[in-house]
Amino acid sequence: MMTLQINVPDMACGACASSITKAITALDATATVDPDLKTKWVSITTQAEAEVVKAAIATAGYTVAE
């Protein structure tokens, strides 16, 4: 397991956070996802590779800041 910190600048509401969480847990059902709407950062503990997680967030319709 690894912990990722990913900036998602267009995550603006609870529905956004929920969509991102669902996209990540679809990849890894054991992942823990902790979105922070105030800072626009998502902390993720997962077995999935970082690039795969970022791609899932992008596919869900959100920008991943590099």
N, C-alpha and C. Protein backbone atom coordinates (compact mmCIF):
# COMPACT_ATOMS: atom_id res chain seq x y z
N MET A 1 0.84 -1.18 0.00
CA MET A 1 0.00 0.00 0.00
C MET A 1 0.89 1.24 0.00
N MET A 2 0.43 2.25 -0.69
CA MET A 2 1.14 3.53 -0.69
C MET A 2 0.12 4.64 -0.50
N THR A 3 0.60 5.76 0.01
CA THR A 3 -0.28 6.91 0.19
C THR A 3 0.09 7.97 -0.83
N LEU A 4 -0.92 8.44 -1.56
CA LEU A 4 -0.74 9.47 -2.58
C LEU A 4 -1.42 10.75 -2.12
N GLN A 5 -0.86 11.87 -2.47
CA GLN A 5 -1.50 13.17 -2.26
C GLN A 5 -1.69 13.76 -3.65
N ILE A 6 -2.95 13.94 -4.06
CA ILE A 6 -3.24 14.41 -5.41
C ILE A 6 -4.07 15.68 -5.33
N ASN A 7 -3.62 16.70 -6.06
CA ASN A 7 -4.34 17.97 -6.11
C ASN A 7 -5.38 17.91 -7.22
N VAL A 8 -6.64 18.21 -6.86
CA VAL A 8 -7.75 18.20 -7.81
C VAL A 8 -8.41 19.59 -7.72
N PRO A 9 -7.91 20.56 -8.48
CA PRO A 9 -8.35 21.95 -8.32
C PRO A 9 -9.82 22.21 -8.62
N ASP A 10 -10.46 21.36 -9.40
CA ASP A 10 -11.87 21.60 -9.70
C ASP A 10 -12.83 20.75 -8.86
N MET A 11 -12.33 20.18 -7.77
CA MET A 11 -13.18 19.48 -6.81
C MET A 11 -13.83 20.55 -5.93
N ALA A 12 -15.12 20.78 -6.12
CA ALA A 12 -15.75 21.94 -5.49
C ALA A 12 -16.85 21.61 -4.48
N CYS A 13 -17.33 20.37 -4.45
CA CYS A 13 -18.47 20.08 -3.59
C CYS A 13 -18.43 18.62 -3.14
N GLY A 14 -19.37 18.28 -2.29
CA GLY A 14 -19.46 16.91 -1.80
C GLY A 14 -19.70 15.89 -2.89
N ALA A 15 -20.48 16.28 -3.90
CA ALA A 15 -20.74 15.36 -5.02
C ALA A 15 -19.45 15.10 -5.80
N CYS A 16 -18.63 16.13 -5.95
CA CYS A 16 -17.33 15.95 -6.61
C CYS A 16 -16.47 14.96 -5.83
N ALA A 17 -16.40 15.18 -4.53
CA ALA A 17 -15.60 14.30 -3.67
C ALA A 17 -16.11 12.87 -3.75
N SER A 18 -17.43 12.70 -3.78
CA SER A 18 -18.03 11.38 -3.87
C SER A 18 -17.70 10.70 -5.20
N SER A 19 -17.76 11.46 -6.28
CA SER A 19 -17.44 10.91 -7.61
C SER A 19 -15.99 10.45 -7.68
N ILE A 20 -15.10 11.25 -7.11
CA ILE A 20 -13.68 10.90 -7.11
C ILE A 20 -13.45 9.65 -6.25
N THR A 21 -14.09 9.61 -5.10
CA THR A 21 -13.95 8.44 -4.22
C THR A 21 -14.45 7.18 -4.92
N LYS A 22 -15.59 7.25 -5.59
CA LYS A 22 -16.13 6.10 -6.31
C LYS A 22 -15.20 5.65 -7.44
N ALA A 23 -14.62 6.61 -8.15
CA ALA A 23 -13.70 6.27 -9.25
C ALA A 23 -12.48 5.52 -8.72
N ILE A 24 -11.97 5.94 -7.58
CA ILE A 24 -10.78 5.31 -7.02
C ILE A 24 -11.11 3.94 -6.42
N THR A 25 -12.21 3.85 -5.69
CA THR A 25 -12.57 2.56 -5.09
C THR A 25 -13.01 1.53 -6.14
N ALA A 26 -13.38 1.99 -7.33
CA ALA A 26 -13.67 1.05 -8.41
C ALA A 26 -12.39 0.36 -8.88
N LEU A 27 -11.26 1.06 -8.75
CA LEU A 27 -9.96 0.47 -9.10
C LEU A 27 -9.45 -0.45 -8.00
N ASP A 28 -9.63 0.00 -6.77
CA ASP A 28 -9.09 -0.71 -5.60
C ASP A 28 -10.12 -0.61 -4.49
N ALA A 29 -10.86 -1.68 -4.28
CA ALA A 29 -11.93 -1.68 -3.28
C ALA A 29 -11.41 -1.49 -1.86
N THR A 30 -10.12 -1.74 -1.64
CA THR A 30 -9.54 -1.58 -0.31
C THR A 30 -8.95 -0.19 -0.08
N ALA A 31 -9.00 0.67 -1.09
CA ALA A 31 -8.42 2.00 -0.97
C ALA A 31 -9.17 2.84 0.06
N THR A 32 -8.42 3.70 0.73
CA THR A 32 -9.05 4.71 1.58
C THR A 32 -8.83 6.06 0.90
N VAL A 33 -9.90 6.83 0.81
CA VAL A 33 -9.87 8.09 0.09
C VAL A 33 -10.35 9.19 1.04
N ASP A 34 -9.54 10.23 1.19
CA ASP A 34 -9.88 11.32 2.10
C ASP A 34 -9.78 12.65 1.34
N PRO A 35 -10.88 13.07 0.70
CA PRO A 35 -10.86 14.34 -0.03
C PRO A 35 -11.03 15.52 0.93
N ASP A 36 -10.27 16.59 0.68
CA ASP A 36 -10.38 17.82 1.47
C ASP A 36 -10.84 18.93 0.53
N LEU A 37 -12.11 19.29 0.62
CA LEU A 37 -12.67 20.30 -0.28
C LEU A 37 -12.02 21.67 -0.10
N LYS A 38 -11.62 21.99 1.11
CA LYS A 38 -11.04 23.30 1.38
C LYS A 38 -9.69 23.49 0.68
N THR A 39 -8.85 22.45 0.73
CA THR A 39 -7.51 22.55 0.14
C THR A 39 -7.44 22.01 -1.28
N LYS A 40 -8.47 21.27 -1.69
CA LYS A 40 -8.54 20.65 -3.03
C LYS A 40 -7.55 19.50 -3.19
N TRP A 41 -7.11 18.89 -2.09
CA TRP A 41 -6.21 17.75 -2.12
C TRP A 41 -6.97 16.50 -1.72
N VAL A 42 -6.58 15.38 -2.33
CA VAL A 42 -7.16 14.08 -1.98
C VAL A 42 -6.02 13.19 -1.51
N SER A 43 -6.17 12.66 -0.31
CA SER A 43 -5.20 11.71 0.23
C SER A 43 -5.75 10.31 -0.02
N ILE A 44 -4.94 9.47 -0.64
CA ILE A 44 -5.40 8.15 -1.06
C ILE A 44 -4.38 7.10 -0.61
N THR A 45 -4.84 6.09 0.09
CA THR A 45 -3.99 4.94 0.41
C THR A 45 -4.52 3.79 -0.44
N THR A 46 -3.64 3.28 -1.30
CA THR A 46 -4.08 2.31 -2.31
C THR A 46 -2.97 1.37 -2.72
N GLN A 47 -3.36 0.29 -3.36
CA GLN A 47 -2.40 -0.63 -3.98
C GLN A 47 -2.21 -0.30 -5.45
N ALA A 48 -3.07 0.55 -6.00
CA ALA A 48 -2.99 0.90 -7.42
C ALA A 48 -1.83 1.88 -7.67
N GLU A 49 -1.30 1.83 -8.87
CA GLU A 49 -0.22 2.74 -9.26
C GLU A 49 -0.74 4.18 -9.35
N ALA A 50 0.12 5.13 -9.05
CA ALA A 50 -0.26 6.55 -9.03
C ALA A 50 -0.84 7.00 -10.37
N GLU A 51 -0.23 6.60 -11.48
CA GLU A 51 -0.72 7.04 -12.79
C GLU A 51 -2.10 6.48 -13.09
N VAL A 52 -2.39 5.27 -12.62
CA VAL A 52 -3.70 4.66 -12.82
C VAL A 52 -4.76 5.42 -12.01
N VAL A 53 -4.40 5.80 -10.79
CA VAL A 53 -5.32 6.57 -9.94
C VAL A 53 -5.61 7.93 -10.58
N LYS A 54 -4.57 8.59 -11.04
CA LYS A 54 -4.74 9.90 -11.69
C LYS A 54 -5.62 9.78 -12.94
N ALA A 55 -5.42 8.73 -13.70
CA ALA A 55 -6.24 8.51 -14.90
C ALA A 55 -7.70 8.29 -14.54
N ALA A 56 -7.96 7.58 -13.45
CA ALA A 56 -9.34 7.34 -13.01
C ALA A 56 -10.02 8.64 -12.61
N ILE A 57 -9.26 9.52 -11.94
CA ILE A 57 -9.81 10.83 -11.54
C ILE A 57 -10.13 11.65 -12.79
N ALA A 58 -9.21 11.63 -13.75
CA ALA A 58 -9.43 12.37 -15.00
C ALA A 58 -10.62 11.81 -15.78
N THR A 59 -10.75 10.50 -15.82
CA THR A 59 -11.87 9.87 -16.50
C THR A 59 -13.19 10.23 -15.84
N ALA A 60 -13.17 10.44 -14.54
CA ALA A 60 -14.37 10.86 -13.82
C ALA A 60 -14.74 12.32 -14.10
N GLY A 61 -13.85 13.03 -14.81
CA GLY A 61 -14.17 14.39 -15.23
C GLY A 61 -13.47 15.50 -14.46
N TYR A 62 -12.43 15.15 -13.72
CA TYR A 62 -11.74 16.14 -12.89
C TYR A 62 -10.30 16.33 -13.33
N THR A 63 -9.81 17.54 -13.13
CA THR A 63 -8.43 17.87 -13.47
C THR A 63 -7.50 17.42 -12.36
N VAL A 64 -6.40 16.77 -12.73
CA VAL A 64 -5.36 16.41 -11.79
C VAL A 64 -4.21 17.37 -12.02
N ALA A 65 -3.91 18.21 -11.03
CA ALA A 65 -2.81 19.17 -11.15
C ALA A 65 -1.49 18.45 -10.94
N GLU A 66 -0.53 18.80 -11.74
CA GLU A 66 0.80 18.18 -11.61
C GLU A 66 1.69 19.01 -10.73
